[in-house]
Amino acid sequence: MEDLILYGSGGMAREVVELVADINDISPTWRILGYIDDVKGDSSELVNGFPLLGTWKMLKDVPGQPYVIIAVSNPSDKEAIFRRIRNLPIRFPTLIHPSAKVARNARIGEGSIIGMDCIVSTDVRIGNHVFLNMRTIVGHDTVIMDYSSCLVGCIIAGGVVIKGSALLGSGCIIMEKTAIGSKSKVSMGSVVSFDVPDHHVVMSRPSKSMYFGE
């Protein structure tokens, strides 16, 4: 089994622990050593049964060239973390949940995470350190560039280009042959039928509650 360290100890990291357990149930592959947390550092606290190992600096002297997965969903944070640790003696795995359906000719970069029940269609290209959360669907010929995150239940049609460090909120729908700009954000539940420039936010009209009497 290969040693694996999770960078981050929040909700996404705990989801990755479950993903790794599901992989190991089918084929024992990963031995989780614990978490890197730059705020909490090393601590006696256990998170889902695994320890906090310290800040990123502990990776400078870690033996055996372990694998490190950046278990953080915010694209800008992911990119900053990668640039901080990329020259250290570590490796980056690609984690794919056993229930995910990935086309044989799809390409997925290092450090990327494909969650439970995701579907990745033919000729899709996924970059490095991309996160597809559970039940995300990616249509044919779509390109998702480095550090981007697609949260729960995104539907991305065919021929879409999602540029680097974009964030797609839960349940959003991206129509075919559109583009999402670098570092842009699409709010949950939005339907996007147009190209989104770099550094933009797409928001649907928020829901309102109305009192209708006793």
C-alpha atoms as a PDB file:
ATOM      1  CA  MET A   1       0.000   0.000   0.000  1.00  0.00           C
ATOM      2  CA  GLU A   2       1.095   3.563  -0.677  1.00  0.00           C
ATOM      3  CA  ASP A   3       1.303   6.253   2.005  1.00  0.00           C
ATOM      4  CA  LEU A   4      -1.179   9.098   1.504  1.00  0.00           C
ATOM      5  CA  ILE A   5      -1.361  12.477   3.258  1.00  0.00           C
ATOM      6  CA  LEU A   6      -4.394  14.741   2.920  1.00  0.00           C
ATOM      7  CA  TYR A   7      -3.707  18.475   2.660  1.00  0.00           C
ATOM      8  CA  GLY A   8      -6.674  19.957   4.513  1.00  0.00           C
ATOM      9  CA  SER A   9      -8.828  18.605   7.321  1.00  0.00           C
ATOM     10  CA  GLY A  10     -12.265  20.080   6.613  1.00  0.00           C
ATOM     11  CA  GLY A  11     -15.403  18.671   5.063  1.00  0.00           C
ATOM     12  CA  MET A  12     -13.855  17.852   1.708  1.00  0.00           C
ATOM     13  CA  ALA A  13     -10.943  16.064   3.369  1.00  0.00           C
ATOM     14  CA  ARG A  14     -13.370  13.908   5.332  1.00  0.00           C
ATOM     15  CA  GLU A  15     -15.171  13.072   2.092  1.00  0.00           C
ATOM     16  CA  VAL A  16     -11.840  12.029   0.584  1.00  0.00           C
ATOM     17  CA  VAL A  17     -11.247   9.722   3.557  1.00  0.00           C
ATOM     18  CA  GLU A  18     -14.494   7.948   2.672  1.00  0.00           C
ATOM     19  CA  LEU A  19     -13.551   7.828  -1.012  1.00  0.00           C
ATOM     20  CA  VAL A  20     -10.207   6.238  -0.154  1.00  0.00           C
ATOM     21  CA  ALA A  21     -11.925   3.702   2.104  1.00  0.00           C
ATOM     22  CA  ASP A  22     -14.202   2.728  -0.784  1.00  0.00           C
ATOM     23  CA  ILE A  23     -11.179   2.275  -3.059  1.00  0.00           C
ATOM     24  CA  ASN A  24      -9.448   0.149  -0.427  1.00  0.00           C
ATOM     25  CA  ASP A  25     -12.536  -2.022   0.027  1.00  0.00           C
ATOM     26  CA  ILE A  26     -12.136  -3.146  -3.581  1.00  0.00           C
ATOM     27  CA  SER A  27      -8.351  -3.067  -3.887  1.00  0.00           C
ATOM     28  CA  PRO A  28      -6.185  -2.138  -0.869  1.00  0.00           C
ATOM     29  CA  THR A  29      -4.166   0.754  -2.263  1.00  0.00           C
ATOM     30  CA  TRP A  30      -3.761   3.604   0.235  1.00  0.00           C
ATOM     31  CA  ARG A  31      -2.538   3.946   3.798  1.00  0.00           C
ATOM     32  CA  ILE A  32      -3.701   7.327   5.151  1.00  0.00           C
ATOM     33  CA  LEU A  33      -1.074   8.880   7.434  1.00  0.00           C
ATOM     34  CA  GLY A  34      -3.114  11.945   8.419  1.00  0.00           C
ATOM     35  CA  TYR A  35      -3.768  15.562   7.523  1.00  0.00           C
ATOM     36  CA  ILE A  36      -1.794  18.722   6.862  1.00  0.00           C
ATOM     37  CA  ASP A  37      -3.506  21.759   8.391  1.00  0.00           C
ATOM     38  CA  ASP A  38      -1.724  25.115   8.208  1.00  0.00           C
ATOM     39  CA  VAL A  39      -4.018  26.633  10.855  1.00  0.00           C
ATOM     40  CA  LYS A  40      -4.209  23.889  13.470  1.00  0.00           C
ATOM     41  CA  GLY A  41      -0.729  22.443  12.930  1.00  0.00           C
ATOM     42  CA  ASP A  42       0.027  19.230  14.772  1.00  0.00           C
ATOM     43  CA  SER A  43      -2.519  18.334  17.426  1.00  0.00           C
ATOM     44  CA  SER A  44      -3.790  15.446  19.478  1.00  0.00           C
ATOM     45  CA  GLU A  45      -7.137  15.877  17.706  1.00  0.00           C
ATOM     46  CA  LEU A  46      -8.248  13.032  15.455  1.00  0.00           C
ATOM     47  CA  VAL A  47     -10.352  13.762  12.369  1.00  0.00           C
ATOM     48  CA  ASN A  48     -12.296  10.706  11.228  1.00  0.00           C
ATOM     49  CA  GLY A  49      -9.744   8.604  13.040  1.00  0.00           C
ATOM     50  CA  PHE A  50      -6.594  10.166  11.568  1.00  0.00           C
ATOM     51  CA  PRO A  51      -4.157  12.652  13.166  1.00  0.00           C
ATOM     52  CA  LEU A  52      -3.202  16.199  12.291  1.00  0.00           C
ATOM     53  CA  LEU A  53       0.447  15.933  11.255  1.00  0.00           C
ATOM     54  CA  GLY A  54       1.403  19.611  11.207  1.00  0.00           C
ATOM     55  CA  THR A  55       1.720  22.421   8.678  1.00  0.00           C
ATOM     56  CA  TRP A  56       3.043  22.118   5.136  1.00  0.00           C
ATOM     57  CA  LYS A  57       6.598  22.480   6.428  1.00  0.00           C
ATOM     58  CA  MET A  58       6.558  18.919   7.758  1.00  0.00           C
ATOM     59  CA  LEU A  59       6.494  17.762   4.139  1.00  0.00           C
ATOM     60  CA  LYS A  60      10.054  19.048   3.692  1.00  0.00           C
ATOM     61  CA  ASP A  61      11.443  16.169   5.730  1.00  0.00           C
ATOM     62  CA  VAL A  62       8.829  13.470   5.303  1.00  0.00           C
ATOM     63  CA  PRO A  63      10.467  10.139   4.393  1.00  0.00           C
ATOM     64  CA  GLY A  64       9.602   7.877   1.505  1.00  0.00           C
ATOM     65  CA  GLN A  65       8.198  10.389  -1.007  1.00  0.00           C
ATOM     66  CA  PRO A  66       4.542   9.929   0.037  1.00  0.00           C
ATOM     67  CA  TYR A  67       1.529  10.862  -2.028  1.00  0.00           C
ATOM     68  CA  VAL A  68      -0.243  14.105  -1.087  1.00  0.00           C
ATOM     69  CA  ILE A  69      -3.780  14.919  -2.201  1.00  0.00           C
ATOM     70  CA  ILE A  70      -4.919  18.546  -1.933  1.00  0.00           C
ATOM     71  CA  ALA A  71      -8.297  18.002  -0.251  1.00  0.00           C
ATOM     72  CA  VAL A  72      -9.501  21.601  -0.507  1.00  0.00           C
ATOM     73  CA  SER A  73     -12.364  22.623  -2.797  1.00  0.00           C
ATOM     74  CA  ASN A  74     -11.604  26.345  -3.219  1.00  0.00           C
ATOM     75  CA  PRO A  75      -9.691  26.620  -6.513  1.00  0.00           C
ATOM     76  CA  SER A  76      -7.558  29.612  -5.531  1.00  0.00           C
ATOM     77  CA  ASP A  77      -6.522  27.879  -2.317  1.00  0.00           C
ATOM     78  CA  LYS A  78      -5.678  24.702  -4.235  1.00  0.00           C
ATOM     79  CA  GLU A  79      -3.493  26.591  -6.662  1.00  0.00           C
ATOM     80  CA  ALA A  80      -1.678  28.416  -3.854  1.00  0.00           C
ATOM     81  CA  ILE A  81      -1.088  25.161  -1.970  1.00  0.00           C
ATOM     82  CA  PHE A  82       0.275  23.438  -5.061  1.00  0.00           C
ATOM     83  CA  ARG A  83       2.702  26.272  -5.774  1.00  0.00           C
ATOM     84  CA  ARG A  84       3.877  26.108  -2.157  1.00  0.00           C
ATOM     85  CA  ILE A  85       4.638  22.387  -2.129  1.00  0.00           C
ATOM     86  CA  ARG A  86       5.292  21.425  -5.754  1.00  0.00           C
ATOM     87  CA  ASN A  87       9.092  21.179  -5.349  1.00  0.00           C
ATOM     88  CA  LEU A  88       8.990  19.050  -2.194  1.00  0.00           C
ATOM     89  CA  PRO A  89       9.791  15.291  -2.212  1.00  0.00           C
ATOM     90  CA  ILE A  90       6.167  14.215  -2.658  1.00  0.00           C
ATOM     91  CA  ARG A  91       3.892  12.799  -5.357  1.00  0.00           C
ATOM     92  CA  PHE A  92       0.315  13.602  -6.339  1.00  0.00           C
ATOM     93  CA  PRO A  93      -2.187  10.774  -6.891  1.00  0.00           C
ATOM     94  CA  THR A  94      -5.331  10.706  -8.973  1.00  0.00           C
ATOM     95  CA  LEU A  95      -8.299   9.388  -6.961  1.00  0.00           C
ATOM     96  CA  ILE A  96     -11.367   7.991  -8.716  1.00  0.00           C
ATOM     97  CA  HIS A  97     -14.285   6.562  -6.754  1.00  0.00           C
ATOM     98  CA  PRO A  98     -15.107   2.972  -7.760  1.00  0.00           C
ATOM     99  CA  SER A  99     -18.691   3.955  -8.628  1.00  0.00           C
ATOM    100  CA  ALA A 100     -17.606   6.666 -11.092  1.00  0.00           C
ATOM    101  CA  LYS A 101     -18.030   5.939 -14.795  1.00  0.00           C
ATOM    102  CA  VAL A 102     -15.048   7.260 -16.751  1.00  0.00           C
ATOM    103  CA  ALA A 103     -14.743   6.770 -20.505  1.00  0.00           C
ATOM    104  CA  ARG A 104     -11.763   4.728 -21.605  1.00  0.00           C
ATOM    105  CA  ASN A 105     -10.326   7.591 -23.649  1.00  0.00           C
ATOM    106  CA  ALA A 106     -10.937  10.340 -21.087  1.00  0.00           C
ATOM    107  CA  ARG A 107      -7.770  11.840 -19.635  1.00  0.00           C
ATOM    108  CA  ILE A 108      -7.492  12.904 -16.001  1.00  0.00           C
ATOM    109  CA  GLY A 109      -4.475  14.751 -14.602  1.00  0.00           C
ATOM    110  CA  GLU A 110      -2.515  14.155 -11.432  1.00  0.00           C
ATOM    111  CA  GLY A 111      -3.954  15.293  -8.127  1.00  0.00           C
ATOM    112  CA  SER A 112      -7.514  15.214  -9.447  1.00  0.00           C
ATOM    113  CA  ILE A 113     -10.419  13.687  -7.527  1.00  0.00           C
ATOM    114  CA  ILE A 114     -13.458  12.100  -9.177  1.00  0.00           C
ATOM    115  CA  GLY A 115     -16.207  11.522  -6.619  1.00  0.00           C
ATOM    116  CA  MET A 116     -18.948   8.970  -6.120  1.00  0.00           C
ATOM    117  CA  ASP A 117     -21.357   8.363  -9.032  1.00  0.00           C
ATOM    118  CA  CYS A 118     -19.681  10.869 -11.353  1.00  0.00           C
ATOM    119  CA  ILE A 119     -19.893  10.322 -15.107  1.00  0.00           C
ATOM    120  CA  VAL A 120     -17.039  11.429 -17.379  1.00  0.00           C
ATOM    121  CA  SER A 121     -17.858  10.937 -21.054  1.00  0.00           C
ATOM    122  CA  THR A 122     -15.766  10.241 -24.114  1.00  0.00           C
ATOM    123  CA  ASP A 123     -12.822  12.460 -25.099  1.00  0.00           C
ATOM    124  CA  VAL A 124     -13.051  14.551 -21.931  1.00  0.00           C
ATOM    125  CA  ARG A 125      -9.827  16.217 -20.770  1.00  0.00           C
ATOM    126  CA  ILE A 126      -9.480  16.984 -17.068  1.00  0.00           C
ATOM    127  CA  GLY A 127      -6.397  18.834 -15.849  1.00  0.00           C
ATOM    128  CA  ASN A 128      -4.403  18.605 -12.637  1.00  0.00           C
ATOM    129  CA  HIS A 129      -5.908  19.054  -9.158  1.00  0.00           C
ATOM    130  CA  VAL A 130      -9.476  19.192 -10.445  1.00  0.00           C
ATOM    131  CA  PHE A 131     -12.319  18.141  -8.123  1.00  0.00           C
ATOM    132  CA  LEU A 132     -15.557  16.608  -9.372  1.00  0.00           C
ATOM    133  CA  ASN A 133     -17.820  16.129  -6.390  1.00  0.00           C
ATOM    134  CA  MET A 134     -20.387  13.358  -6.250  1.00  0.00           C
ATOM    135  CA  ARG A 135     -22.894  12.889  -9.095  1.00  0.00           C
ATOM    136  CA  THR A 136     -21.285  15.423 -11.406  1.00  0.00           C
ATOM    137  CA  ILE A 137     -21.784  14.669 -15.111  1.00  0.00           C
ATOM    138  CA  VAL A 138     -19.274  15.788 -17.745  1.00  0.00           C
ATOM    139  CA  GLY A 139     -20.315  15.533 -21.398  1.00  0.00           C
ATOM    140  CA  HIS A 140     -18.217  14.525 -24.396  1.00  0.00           C
ATOM    141  CA  ASP A 141     -15.241  16.623 -25.537  1.00  0.00           C
ATOM    142  CA  THR A 142     -15.375  18.898 -22.517  1.00  0.00           C
ATOM    143  CA  VAL A 143     -12.141  20.360 -21.131  1.00  0.00           C
ATOM    144  CA  ILE A 144     -11.760  21.206 -17.435  1.00  0.00           C
ATOM    145  CA  MET A 145      -8.492  22.968 -16.682  1.00  0.00           C
ATOM    146  CA  ASP A 146      -6.229  22.865 -13.620  1.00  0.00           C
ATOM    147  CA  TYR A 147      -7.497  23.551 -10.073  1.00  0.00           C
ATOM    148  CA  SER A 148     -11.160  23.879 -11.010  1.00  0.00           C
ATOM    149  CA  SER A 149     -13.854  22.436  -8.731  1.00  0.00           C
ATOM    150  CA  CYS A 150     -17.325  21.214  -9.688  1.00  0.00           C
ATOM    151  CA  LEU A 151     -19.461  20.699  -6.596  1.00  0.00           C
ATOM    152  CA  VAL A 152     -22.289  18.231  -5.999  1.00  0.00           C
ATOM    153  CA  GLY A 153     -24.471  17.380  -8.974  1.00  0.00           C
ATOM    154  CA  CYS A 154     -23.114  19.706 -11.647  1.00  0.00           C
ATOM    155  CA  ILE A 155     -24.243  18.916 -15.189  1.00  0.00           C
ATOM    156  CA  ILE A 156     -21.733  19.968 -17.828  1.00  0.00           C
ATOM    157  CA  ALA A 157     -22.820  19.388 -21.422  1.00  0.00           C
ATOM    158  CA  GLY A 158     -20.608  18.442 -24.356  1.00  0.00           C
ATOM    159  CA  GLY A 159     -17.904  20.640 -25.809  1.00  0.00           C
ATOM    160  CA  VAL A 160     -17.642  22.939 -22.787  1.00  0.00           C
ATOM    161  CA  VAL A 161     -14.349  24.594 -21.799  1.00  0.00           C
ATOM    162  CA  ILE A 162     -13.860  25.347 -18.110  1.00  0.00           C
ATOM    163  CA  LYS A 163     -10.705  27.377 -17.652  1.00  0.00           C
ATOM    164  CA  GLY A 164      -8.309  27.172 -14.731  1.00  0.00           C
ATOM    165  CA  SER A 165      -9.376  27.732 -11.117  1.00  0.00           C
ATOM    166  CA  ALA A 166     -13.085  28.018 -11.912  1.00  0.00           C
ATOM    167  CA  LEU A 167     -15.681  27.075  -9.287  1.00  0.00           C
ATOM    168  CA  LEU A 168     -19.033  25.548 -10.249  1.00  0.00           C
ATOM    169  CA  GLY A 169     -21.614  25.476  -7.470  1.00  0.00           C
ATOM    170  CA  SER A 170     -23.814  22.511  -6.644  1.00  0.00           C
ATOM    171  CA  GLY A 171     -26.528  21.686  -9.149  1.00  0.00           C
ATOM    172  CA  CYS A 172     -25.509  24.165 -11.823  1.00  0.00           C
ATOM    173  CA  ILE A 173     -26.023  23.341 -15.503  1.00  0.00           C
ATOM    174  CA  ILE A 174     -23.533  24.407 -18.167  1.00  0.00           C
ATOM    175  CA  MET A 175     -24.949  24.233 -21.683  1.00  0.00           C
ATOM    176  CA  GLU A 176     -23.031  22.774 -24.610  1.00  0.00           C
ATOM    177  CA  LYS A 177     -20.148  24.561 -26.334  1.00  0.00           C
ATOM    178  CA  THR A 178     -19.934  27.345 -23.783  1.00  0.00           C
ATOM    179  CA  ALA A 179     -16.877  28.486 -21.836  1.00  0.00           C
ATOM    180  CA  ILE A 180     -16.375  29.362 -18.179  1.00  0.00           C
ATOM    181  CA  GLY A 181     -13.548  31.829 -17.642  1.00  0.00           C
ATOM    182  CA  SER A 182     -10.504  31.451 -15.448  1.00  0.00           C
ATOM    183  CA  LYS A 183     -11.198  32.055 -11.743  1.00  0.00           C
ATOM    184  CA  SER A 184     -14.887  32.591 -12.470  1.00  0.00           C
ATOM    185  CA  LYS A 185     -17.647  31.271 -10.222  1.00  0.00           C
ATOM    186  CA  VAL A 186     -21.068  29.865 -11.054  1.00  0.00           C
ATOM    187  CA  SER A 187     -23.524  29.898  -8.158  1.00  0.00           C
ATOM    188  CA  MET A 188     -25.459  26.792  -7.200  1.00  0.00           C
ATOM    189  CA  GLY A 189     -28.450  25.993  -9.360  1.00  0.00           C
ATOM    190  CA  SER A 190     -27.524  28.433 -12.124  1.00  0.00           C
ATOM    191  CA  VAL A 191     -28.127  27.580 -15.782  1.00  0.00           C
ATOM    192  CA  VAL A 192     -25.374  28.977 -18.014  1.00  0.00           C
ATOM    193  CA  SER A 193     -26.070  29.287 -21.747  1.00  0.00           C
ATOM    194  CA  PHE A 194     -23.406  31.873 -22.611  1.00  0.00           C
ATOM    195  CA  ASP A 195     -19.644  32.297 -22.359  1.00  0.00           C
ATOM    196  CA  VAL A 196     -18.520  33.609 -18.983  1.00  0.00           C
ATOM    197  CA  PRO A 197     -15.423  35.873 -19.050  1.00  0.00           C
ATOM    198  CA  ASP A 198     -12.491  35.452 -16.682  1.00  0.00           C
ATOM    199  CA  HIS A 199     -12.956  36.651 -13.094  1.00  0.00           C
ATOM    200  CA  HIS A 200     -16.760  36.818 -13.272  1.00  0.00           C
ATOM    201  CA  VAL A 201     -19.540  35.518 -11.033  1.00  0.00           C
ATOM    202  CA  VAL A 202     -22.768  34.049 -12.429  1.00  0.00           C
ATOM    203  CA  MET A 203     -25.717  34.211 -10.035  1.00  0.00           C
ATOM    204  CA  SER A 204     -29.310  33.122 -10.494  1.00  0.00           C
ATOM    205  CA  ARG A 205     -32.002  35.262  -8.948  1.00  0.00           C
ATOM    206  CA  PRO A 206     -32.145  34.150  -5.297  1.00  0.00           C
ATOM    207  CA  SER A 207     -35.271  32.445  -4.009  1.00  0.00           C
ATOM    208  CA  LYS A 208     -37.573  34.341  -1.651  1.00  0.00           C
ATOM    209  CA  SER A 209     -39.861  33.127   1.094  1.00  0.00           C
ATOM    210  CA  MET A 210     -43.338  34.658   1.414  1.00  0.00           C
ATOM    211  CA  TYR A 211     -45.780  34.420   4.293  1.00  0.00           C
ATOM    212  CA  PHE A 212     -49.078  32.901   3.128  1.00  0.00           C
ATOM    213  CA  GLY A 213     -51.072  32.965   6.362  1.00  0.00           C
ATOM    214  CA  GLU A 214     -52.251  30.422   8.884  1.00  0.00           C
END
